[in-house]
Amino acid sequence: MSEKLKVFIQRWIISTLAVLVATYVVPGIKFDRWQDLLVATLVLGLLNSFLRPLLLLLSLPLLIFTLGLFTVVINALLLLLVSALLGRDHFHVDGFWSACLGALVISIVSLLLNSLTRTGDARVSVRRGKPPVNRDDDKGGPVIDV
């Protein structure tokens, strides 16, 4: 199996687990069968890959003004779009506030799982071992990194 396929499957499993946690935590998010959950996370992954960057670019002033918190709204809208594409019988999000809470739960769980498995672009990292040796190459002079 190729490395890219392994990473894809691992990310898909992580996002599926994150959405599964959201369905148990958030009362307004439901799915009927496991296949529906897998399809929903696949569609959500595709939307996150192709549509989310465009939405982030278009909402850049709002992102700057809200210090990045508007990404929760974008993620909620994408979750609502997945619900609309798949229909009420397969994967359903009740409303905007359920989608916001679900997006927040999915983001937190994905971040934690990505940091534990060291996949994706997880922003939390844990370093183990000795700290790097501090060499005194500059002989006490100023350091300018360019």
C-alpha atoms as a PDB file:
ATOM      1  CA  MET A   1       0.000   0.000   0.000  1.00  0.00           C
ATOM      2  CA  SER A   2       1.373   3.411  -0.927  1.00  0.00           C
ATOM      3  CA  GLU A   3       2.194   6.019   1.712  1.00  0.00           C
ATOM      4  CA  LYS A   4      -0.346   8.514   0.322  1.00  0.00           C
ATOM      5  CA  LEU A   5      -3.124   5.937   0.549  1.00  0.00           C
ATOM      6  CA  LYS A   6      -2.164   5.131   4.143  1.00  0.00           C
ATOM      7  CA  VAL A   7      -2.262   8.815   5.094  1.00  0.00           C
ATOM      8  CA  PHE A   8      -5.619   9.257   3.331  1.00  0.00           C
ATOM      9  CA  ILE A   9      -7.174   6.283   5.125  1.00  0.00           C
ATOM     10  CA  GLN A  10      -5.743   7.399   8.463  1.00  0.00           C
ATOM     11  CA  ARG A  11      -7.158  10.919   8.039  1.00  0.00           C
ATOM     12  CA  TRP A  12     -10.497   9.495   6.951  1.00  0.00           C
ATOM     13  CA  ILE A  13     -10.668   7.271  10.033  1.00  0.00           C
ATOM     14  CA  ILE A  14      -9.754  10.200  12.282  1.00  0.00           C
ATOM     15  CA  SER A  15     -12.417  12.432  10.777  1.00  0.00           C
ATOM     16  CA  THR A  16     -14.954   9.590  10.998  1.00  0.00           C
ATOM     17  CA  LEU A  17     -14.177   9.140  14.686  1.00  0.00           C
ATOM     18  CA  ALA A  18     -14.448  12.895  15.221  1.00  0.00           C
ATOM     19  CA  VAL A  19     -17.862  13.049  13.535  1.00  0.00           C
ATOM     20  CA  LEU A  20     -18.928   9.960  15.514  1.00  0.00           C
ATOM     21  CA  VAL A  21     -18.016  11.724  18.762  1.00  0.00           C
ATOM     22  CA  ALA A  22     -19.970  14.777  17.582  1.00  0.00           C
ATOM     23  CA  THR A  23     -23.056  12.638  16.929  1.00  0.00           C
ATOM     24  CA  TYR A  24     -22.940  11.374  20.508  1.00  0.00           C
ATOM     25  CA  VAL A  25     -22.159  14.756  22.102  1.00  0.00           C
ATOM     26  CA  VAL A  26     -24.324  17.108  20.018  1.00  0.00           C
ATOM     27  CA  PRO A  27     -28.049  16.257  20.123  1.00  0.00           C
ATOM     28  CA  GLY A  28     -28.791  17.734  16.676  1.00  0.00           C
ATOM     29  CA  ILE A  29     -26.436  15.557  14.595  1.00  0.00           C
ATOM     30  CA  LYS A  30     -27.635  12.100  13.545  1.00  0.00           C
ATOM     31  CA  PHE A  31     -26.786   9.315  11.144  1.00  0.00           C
ATOM     32  CA  ASP A  32     -28.675   6.112  10.345  1.00  0.00           C
ATOM     33  CA  ARG A  33     -26.089   3.519   9.319  1.00  0.00           C
ATOM     34  CA  TRP A  34     -22.317   3.235   9.529  1.00  0.00           C
ATOM     35  CA  GLN A  35     -22.121   3.489   5.753  1.00  0.00           C
ATOM     36  CA  ASP A  36     -23.879   6.852   5.937  1.00  0.00           C
ATOM     37  CA  LEU A  37     -21.319   8.082   8.453  1.00  0.00           C
ATOM     38  CA  LEU A  38     -18.433   6.946   6.225  1.00  0.00           C
ATOM     39  CA  VAL A  39     -19.951   8.649   3.177  1.00  0.00           C
ATOM     40  CA  ALA A  40     -20.644  11.816   5.186  1.00  0.00           C
ATOM     41  CA  THR A  41     -17.032  12.047   6.372  1.00  0.00           C
ATOM     42  CA  LEU A  42     -15.771  11.390   2.845  1.00  0.00           C
ATOM     43  CA  VAL A  43     -17.957  14.205   1.475  1.00  0.00           C
ATOM     44  CA  LEU A  44     -16.898  16.465   4.363  1.00  0.00           C
ATOM     45  CA  GLY A  45     -13.255  15.712   3.582  1.00  0.00           C
ATOM     46  CA  LEU A  46     -13.758  16.563  -0.093  1.00  0.00           C
ATOM     47  CA  LEU A  47     -15.510  19.811   0.794  1.00  0.00           C
ATOM     48  CA  ASN A  48     -12.744  20.660   3.263  1.00  0.00           C
ATOM     49  CA  SER A  49     -10.162  20.044   0.557  1.00  0.00           C
ATOM     50  CA  PHE A  50     -11.747  22.000  -2.267  1.00  0.00           C
ATOM     51  CA  LEU A  51     -14.396  24.430  -0.978  1.00  0.00           C
ATOM     52  CA  ARG A  52     -13.010  25.406   2.454  1.00  0.00           C
ATOM     53  CA  PRO A  53      -9.869  27.192   1.119  1.00  0.00           C
ATOM     54  CA  LEU A  54     -12.051  29.312  -1.164  1.00  0.00           C
ATOM     55  CA  LEU A  55     -14.404  30.180   1.703  1.00  0.00           C
ATOM     56  CA  LEU A  56     -11.451  31.051   3.933  1.00  0.00           C
ATOM     57  CA  LEU A  57     -10.054  33.355   1.251  1.00  0.00           C
ATOM     58  CA  LEU A  58     -13.389  35.065   0.646  1.00  0.00           C
ATOM     59  CA  SER A  59     -13.977  35.595   4.358  1.00  0.00           C
ATOM     60  CA  LEU A  60     -10.447  36.774   5.144  1.00  0.00           C
ATOM     61  CA  PRO A  61     -11.548  40.160   6.554  1.00  0.00           C
ATOM     62  CA  LEU A  62     -13.980  38.427   8.922  1.00  0.00           C
ATOM     63  CA  LEU A  63     -11.314  35.912   9.901  1.00  0.00           C
ATOM     64  CA  ILE A  64      -8.913  38.714  10.770  1.00  0.00           C
ATOM     65  CA  PHE A  65     -11.569  40.700  12.616  1.00  0.00           C
ATOM     66  CA  THR A  66     -12.695  37.687  14.698  1.00  0.00           C
ATOM     67  CA  LEU A  67      -9.116  36.451  15.211  1.00  0.00           C
ATOM     68  CA  GLY A  68      -9.868  33.213  13.366  1.00  0.00           C
ATOM     69  CA  LEU A  69     -13.054  32.303  15.211  1.00  0.00           C
ATOM     70  CA  PHE A  70     -15.052  32.658  11.994  1.00  0.00           C
ATOM     71  CA  THR A  71     -13.549  29.320  10.896  1.00  0.00           C
ATOM     72  CA  VAL A  72     -16.042  27.648  13.246  1.00  0.00           C
ATOM     73  CA  VAL A  73     -18.847  29.254  11.225  1.00  0.00           C
ATOM     74  CA  ILE A  74     -17.268  28.083   7.955  1.00  0.00           C
ATOM     75  CA  ASN A  75     -16.901  24.552   9.322  1.00  0.00           C
ATOM     76  CA  ALA A  76     -20.529  24.660  10.497  1.00  0.00           C
ATOM     77  CA  LEU A  77     -21.688  25.736   7.041  1.00  0.00           C
ATOM     78  CA  LEU A  78     -19.742  22.873   5.469  1.00  0.00           C
ATOM     79  CA  LEU A  79     -21.343  20.448   7.933  1.00  0.00           C
ATOM     80  CA  LEU A  80     -24.787  21.795   6.995  1.00  0.00           C
ATOM     81  CA  LEU A  81     -23.885  21.415   3.319  1.00  0.00           C
ATOM     82  CA  VAL A  82     -22.975  17.755   3.872  1.00  0.00           C
ATOM     83  CA  SER A  83     -26.328  17.277   5.578  1.00  0.00           C
ATOM     84  CA  ALA A  84     -28.135  18.921   2.661  1.00  0.00           C
ATOM     85  CA  LEU A  85     -26.235  16.878   0.061  1.00  0.00           C
ATOM     86  CA  LEU A  86     -26.838  13.528   1.744  1.00  0.00           C
ATOM     87  CA  GLY A  87     -30.404  14.163   2.841  1.00  0.00           C
ATOM     88  CA  ARG A  88     -32.325  13.648   6.068  1.00  0.00           C
ATOM     89  CA  ASP A  89     -32.403   9.878   5.717  1.00  0.00           C
ATOM     90  CA  HIS A  90     -28.640   9.394   5.860  1.00  0.00           C
ATOM     91  CA  PHE A  91     -26.853  12.176   7.733  1.00  0.00           C
ATOM     92  CA  HIS A  92     -28.731  15.032   9.347  1.00  0.00           C
ATOM     93  CA  VAL A  93     -27.802  18.233  11.177  1.00  0.00           C
ATOM     94  CA  ASP A  94     -30.800  19.966  12.806  1.00  0.00           C
ATOM     95  CA  GLY A  95     -29.731  23.577  12.480  1.00  0.00           C
ATOM     96  CA  PHE A  96     -26.999  26.158  12.495  1.00  0.00           C
ATOM     97  CA  TRP A  97     -26.284  26.015  16.238  1.00  0.00           C
ATOM     98  CA  SER A  98     -26.062  22.231  16.199  1.00  0.00           C
ATOM     99  CA  ALA A  99     -23.686  22.561  13.261  1.00  0.00           C
ATOM    100  CA  CYS A 100     -21.567  25.141  15.138  1.00  0.00           C
ATOM    101  CA  LEU A 101     -21.280  22.953  18.211  1.00  0.00           C
ATOM    102  CA  GLY A 102     -20.644  19.915  16.014  1.00  0.00           C
ATOM    103  CA  ALA A 103     -17.940  21.735  14.072  1.00  0.00           C
ATOM    104  CA  LEU A 104     -16.270  22.738  17.318  1.00  0.00           C
ATOM    105  CA  VAL A 105     -16.376  19.161  18.657  1.00  0.00           C
ATOM    106  CA  ILE A 106     -15.097  17.743  15.354  1.00  0.00           C
ATOM    107  CA  SER A 107     -12.226  20.251  15.292  1.00  0.00           C
ATOM    108  CA  ILE A 108     -11.156  19.496  18.860  1.00  0.00           C
ATOM    109  CA  VAL A 109     -11.376  15.715  18.485  1.00  0.00           C
ATOM    110  CA  SER A 110      -9.550  15.816  15.133  1.00  0.00           C
ATOM    111  CA  LEU A 111      -6.820  17.983  16.619  1.00  0.00           C
ATOM    112  CA  LEU A 112      -6.355  15.603  19.542  1.00  0.00           C
ATOM    113  CA  LEU A 113      -6.356  12.465  17.387  1.00  0.00           C
ATOM    114  CA  ASN A 114      -3.994  14.005  14.819  1.00  0.00           C
ATOM    115  CA  SER A 115      -1.591  15.021  17.554  1.00  0.00           C
ATOM    116  CA  LEU A 116      -1.719  11.548  19.107  1.00  0.00           C
ATOM    117  CA  THR A 117      -1.132   9.765  15.809  1.00  0.00           C
ATOM    118  CA  ARG A 118       1.195  12.456  14.427  1.00  0.00           C
ATOM    119  CA  THR A 119      -0.724  12.763  11.177  1.00  0.00           C
ATOM    120  CA  GLY A 120      -2.194  15.700   9.363  1.00  0.00           C
ATOM    121  CA  ASP A 121      -1.220  19.226  10.156  1.00  0.00           C
ATOM    122  CA  ALA A 122      -1.801  18.972  13.883  1.00  0.00           C
ATOM    123  CA  ARG A 123      -0.747  22.128  15.643  1.00  0.00           C
ATOM    124  CA  VAL A 124      -0.062  20.467  18.977  1.00  0.00           C
ATOM    125  CA  SER A 125       3.201  18.613  19.368  1.00  0.00           C
ATOM    126  CA  VAL A 126       4.829  16.943  22.311  1.00  0.00           C
ATOM    127  CA  ARG A 127       8.606  16.593  22.385  1.00  0.00           C
ATOM    128  CA  ARG A 128      10.229  13.935  24.457  1.00  0.00           C
ATOM    129  CA  GLY A 129      13.825  13.545  25.391  1.00  0.00           C
ATOM    130  CA  LYS A 130      16.603  15.901  26.241  1.00  0.00           C
ATOM    131  CA  PRO A 131      16.458  19.507  25.081  1.00  0.00           C
ATOM    132  CA  PRO A 132      18.940  20.454  22.356  1.00  0.00           C
ATOM    133  CA  VAL A 133      22.418  21.368  23.458  1.00  0.00           C
ATOM    134  CA  ASN A 134      22.908  25.113  23.597  1.00  0.00           C
ATOM    135  CA  ARG A 135      26.107  25.826  21.728  1.00  0.00           C
ATOM    136  CA  ASP A 136      27.751  29.136  22.258  1.00  0.00           C
ATOM    137  CA  ASP A 137      28.801  29.824  18.653  1.00  0.00           C
ATOM    138  CA  ASP A 138      28.214  33.538  18.744  1.00  0.00           C
ATOM    139  CA  LYS A 139      30.733  34.261  21.517  1.00  0.00           C
ATOM    140  CA  GLY A 140      28.253  36.565  23.241  1.00  0.00           C
ATOM    141  CA  GLY A 141      27.621  38.704  20.174  1.00  0.00           C
ATOM    142  CA  PRO A 142      24.274  39.614  18.621  1.00  0.00           C
ATOM    143  CA  VAL A 143      22.430  36.991  16.617  1.00  0.00           C
ATOM    144  CA  ILE A 144      20.618  38.008  13.452  1.00  0.00           C
ATOM    145  CA  ASP A 145      18.661  35.327  11.605  1.00  0.00           C
ATOM    146  CA  VAL A 146      17.557  36.152   8.093  1.00  0.00           C
END
